[in-house]
């Protein structure tokens, strides 16, 4: 799948004690507009996987092209992911990326077996879009990059 370019997001949730957990994902997409549903695929081997498997709420931050270091921080096993800046807490208590292109706060709506991943479906309860859109973070061929807008006209 390394040859399939994909967007990059950070997904976060709080455990029973209120401590934040998070991971970088490249498997995130829209499922339905009505009702608004998204899915994220979570590696069963991730240290924070048990938190996501049993918590009723999670948040997704869609990353910008300059978030590569933050994406790496949330991808590392054992890293202190919540120090180093670039994060904020929403009024509902979700920890999200400060200047993300989009932030989706979700209620878990169901899970499905996905082999070595868990497919977590979330009902979007709150959506916040960046005031200034910009280039997204893209993961392709094991490296971060971005995409450029086409200068041609649409077909």
Protein backbone atom coordinates (compact mmCIF):
# COMPACT_ATOMS: atom_id res chain seq x y z
CA UNK A 1 0.00 0.00 0.00
CA UNK A 2 3.06 2.25 0.08
CA UNK A 3 2.30 3.32 -3.50
CA UNK A 4 -1.16 4.60 -2.60
CA UNK A 5 -1.03 8.27 -1.52
CA UNK A 6 -3.23 8.96 1.46
CA UNK A 7 -4.07 11.76 3.87
CA UNK A 8 -2.70 11.73 7.41
CA UNK A 9 -4.61 12.25 10.65
CA UNK A 10 -4.07 12.01 14.38
CA UNK A 11 -6.79 10.25 16.34
CA UNK A 12 -7.09 10.80 20.10
CA UNK A 13 -9.21 9.60 23.01
CA UNK A 14 -9.13 9.77 26.78
CA UNK A 15 -8.93 6.69 28.99
CA UNK A 16 -11.10 6.03 32.04
CA UNK A 17 -8.79 8.20 34.18
CA UNK A 18 -9.00 11.10 31.71
CA UNK A 19 -5.47 10.64 30.34
CA UNK A 20 -5.12 11.35 26.61
CA UNK A 21 -3.96 8.70 24.14
CA UNK A 22 -3.35 9.07 20.44
CA UNK A 23 -1.89 7.67 17.26
CA UNK A 24 -1.20 8.68 13.69
CA UNK A 25 -3.40 7.04 11.05
CA UNK A 26 -3.50 7.10 7.29
CA UNK A 27 -6.65 4.99 7.08
CA UNK A 28 -9.41 7.51 7.71
CA UNK A 29 -12.37 8.30 5.48
CA UNK A 30 -15.96 9.42 5.25
CA UNK A 31 -18.58 6.67 5.36
CA UNK A 32 -21.86 8.59 5.19
CA UNK A 33 -23.10 12.16 4.99
CA UNK A 34 -26.51 11.37 6.53
CA UNK A 35 -25.96 10.50 9.24
CA UNK A 36 -22.41 11.90 9.30
CA UNK A 37 -20.16 8.86 9.81
CA UNK A 38 -16.41 8.39 9.43
CA UNK A 39 -14.15 5.42 9.90
CA UNK A 40 -10.62 5.01 11.12
CA UNK A 41 -8.59 1.79 11.06
CA UNK A 42 -6.56 1.19 14.22
CA UNK A 43 -3.64 -1.23 14.46
CA UNK A 44 -4.33 -3.87 17.09
CA UNK A 45 -0.62 -3.77 17.98
CA UNK A 46 -0.70 -0.06 18.90
CA UNK A 47 -0.03 0.56 22.58
CA UNK A 48 -3.12 2.77 22.89
CA UNK A 49 -5.37 0.37 20.95
CA UNK A 50 -7.23 -0.88 24.08
CA UNK A 51 -8.28 2.69 24.91
CA UNK A 52 -9.88 3.22 21.50
CA UNK A 53 -11.50 -0.23 21.53
CA UNK A 54 -13.48 0.54 24.70
CA UNK A 55 -13.99 4.32 24.87
CA UNK A 56 -17.19 5.89 23.55
CA UNK A 57 -15.60 9.08 22.15
CA UNK A 58 -12.65 9.99 19.97
CA UNK A 59 -11.40 12.92 17.90
CA UNK A 60 -9.72 13.06 14.49
CA UNK A 61 -7.40 15.89 13.44
CA UNK A 62 -6.71 16.08 9.69
CA UNK A 63 -3.08 17.18 9.33
CA UNK A 64 -1.51 19.92 7.22
CA UNK A 65 1.68 19.52 5.21
CA UNK A 66 3.81 21.10 7.96
CA UNK A 67 2.66 18.54 10.58
CA UNK A 68 5.13 15.80 9.58
CA UNK A 69 7.07 15.98 12.87
CA UNK A 70 3.82 15.82 14.84
CA UNK A 71 2.67 12.83 12.77
CA UNK A 72 5.95 11.05 13.51
CA UNK A 73 5.61 11.88 17.23
CA UNK A 74 2.16 10.26 17.36
CA UNK A 75 3.35 7.27 15.32
CA UNK A 76 6.23 6.39 17.65
CA UNK A 77 5.75 3.66 20.21
CA UNK A 78 6.31 4.85 23.75
CA UNK A 79 6.85 8.49 22.84
CA UNK A 80 5.41 11.19 25.08
CA UNK A 81 2.97 12.28 22.43
CA UNK A 82 1.26 15.04 24.36
CA UNK A 83 4.30 17.19 25.14
CA UNK A 84 6.04 19.32 22.58
CA UNK A 85 3.21 21.66 21.64
CA UNK A 86 0.90 21.88 18.69
CA UNK A 87 -2.15 20.63 20.59
CA UNK A 88 -5.22 22.16 22.20
CA UNK A 89 -8.20 20.97 24.21
CA UNK A 90 -11.69 21.54 22.80
CA UNK A 91 -14.59 22.72 24.98
CA UNK A 92 -15.76 19.09 25.19
CA UNK A 93 -12.32 17.99 26.47
CA UNK A 94 -10.93 16.35 23.33
CA UNK A 95 -7.22 16.83 22.65
CA UNK A 96 -6.73 17.86 19.02
CA UNK A 97 -4.06 19.31 16.74
CA UNK A 98 -4.01 23.08 17.13
CA UNK A 99 -4.11 24.18 13.49
CA UNK A 100 -5.49 21.06 11.83
CA UNK A 101 -7.29 21.36 8.50
CA UNK A 102 -10.31 19.77 10.14
CA UNK A 103 -11.22 18.40 13.57
CA UNK A 104 -13.99 15.85 13.96
CA UNK A 105 -15.25 14.94 17.41
CA UNK A 106 -17.00 11.60 17.24
CA UNK A 107 -19.06 9.14 19.26
CA UNK A 108 -18.17 5.52 18.58
CA UNK A 109 -20.95 4.05 16.45
CA UNK A 110 -19.61 0.54 15.89
CA UNK A 111 -16.56 -1.59 15.27
CA UNK A 112 -15.73 -4.21 12.67
CA UNK A 113 -12.97 -6.78 12.45
CA UNK A 114 -10.34 -5.74 9.95
CA UNK A 115 -7.70 -8.45 10.40
CA UNK A 116 -4.74 -6.89 12.19
CA UNK A 117 -6.75 -3.64 12.46
CA UNK A 118 -10.01 -2.63 14.10
CA UNK A 119 -12.35 -0.60 11.92
CA UNK A 120 -13.85 2.03 14.21
CA UNK A 121 -16.90 3.88 12.91
CA UNK A 122 -17.69 7.23 14.48
CA UNK A 123 -20.75 9.45 14.33
CA UNK A 124 -19.51 13.02 13.87
CA UNK A 125 -20.90 15.19 16.67
CA UNK A 126 -18.78 18.29 16.05
CA UNK A 127 -16.84 19.43 13.01
CA UNK A 128 -14.45 22.37 12.94
CA UNK A 129 -12.79 23.46 9.71
CA UNK A 130 -9.68 25.61 9.55
CA UNK A 131 -10.40 29.25 8.73
CA UNK A 132 -7.56 29.14 6.21
CA UNK A 133 -7.37 25.91 4.22
CA UNK A 134 -3.94 24.88 3.10
CA UNK A 135 -2.00 21.97 1.70
CA UNK A 136 -2.73 18.64 3.43
CA UNK A 137 -0.20 16.17 4.76
CA UNK A 138 0.06 13.18 2.43
CA UNK A 139 1.85 9.90 3.07
CA UNK A 140 3.29 8.17 -0.01
CA UNK A 141 6.07 5.65 -0.51
CA UNK A 142 6.97 5.79 3.21
CA UNK A 143 7.47 9.57 3.20
CA UNK A 144 5.44 12.67 4.01
CA UNK A 145 4.62 15.19 1.34
CA UNK A 146 1.70 17.20 0.04
CA UNK A 147 -0.27 17.83 -3.12
CA UNK A 148 -0.46 20.92 -5.28
CA UNK A 149 -3.64 22.38 -6.70
CA UNK A 150 -4.02 21.83 -10.40
CA UNK A 151 -3.53 24.95 -12.49
CA UNK A 152 -5.71 23.53 -15.26
CA UNK A 153 -9.46 23.77 -15.50
CA UNK A 154 -11.74 21.00 -14.31
CA UNK A 155 -12.97 18.60 -17.02
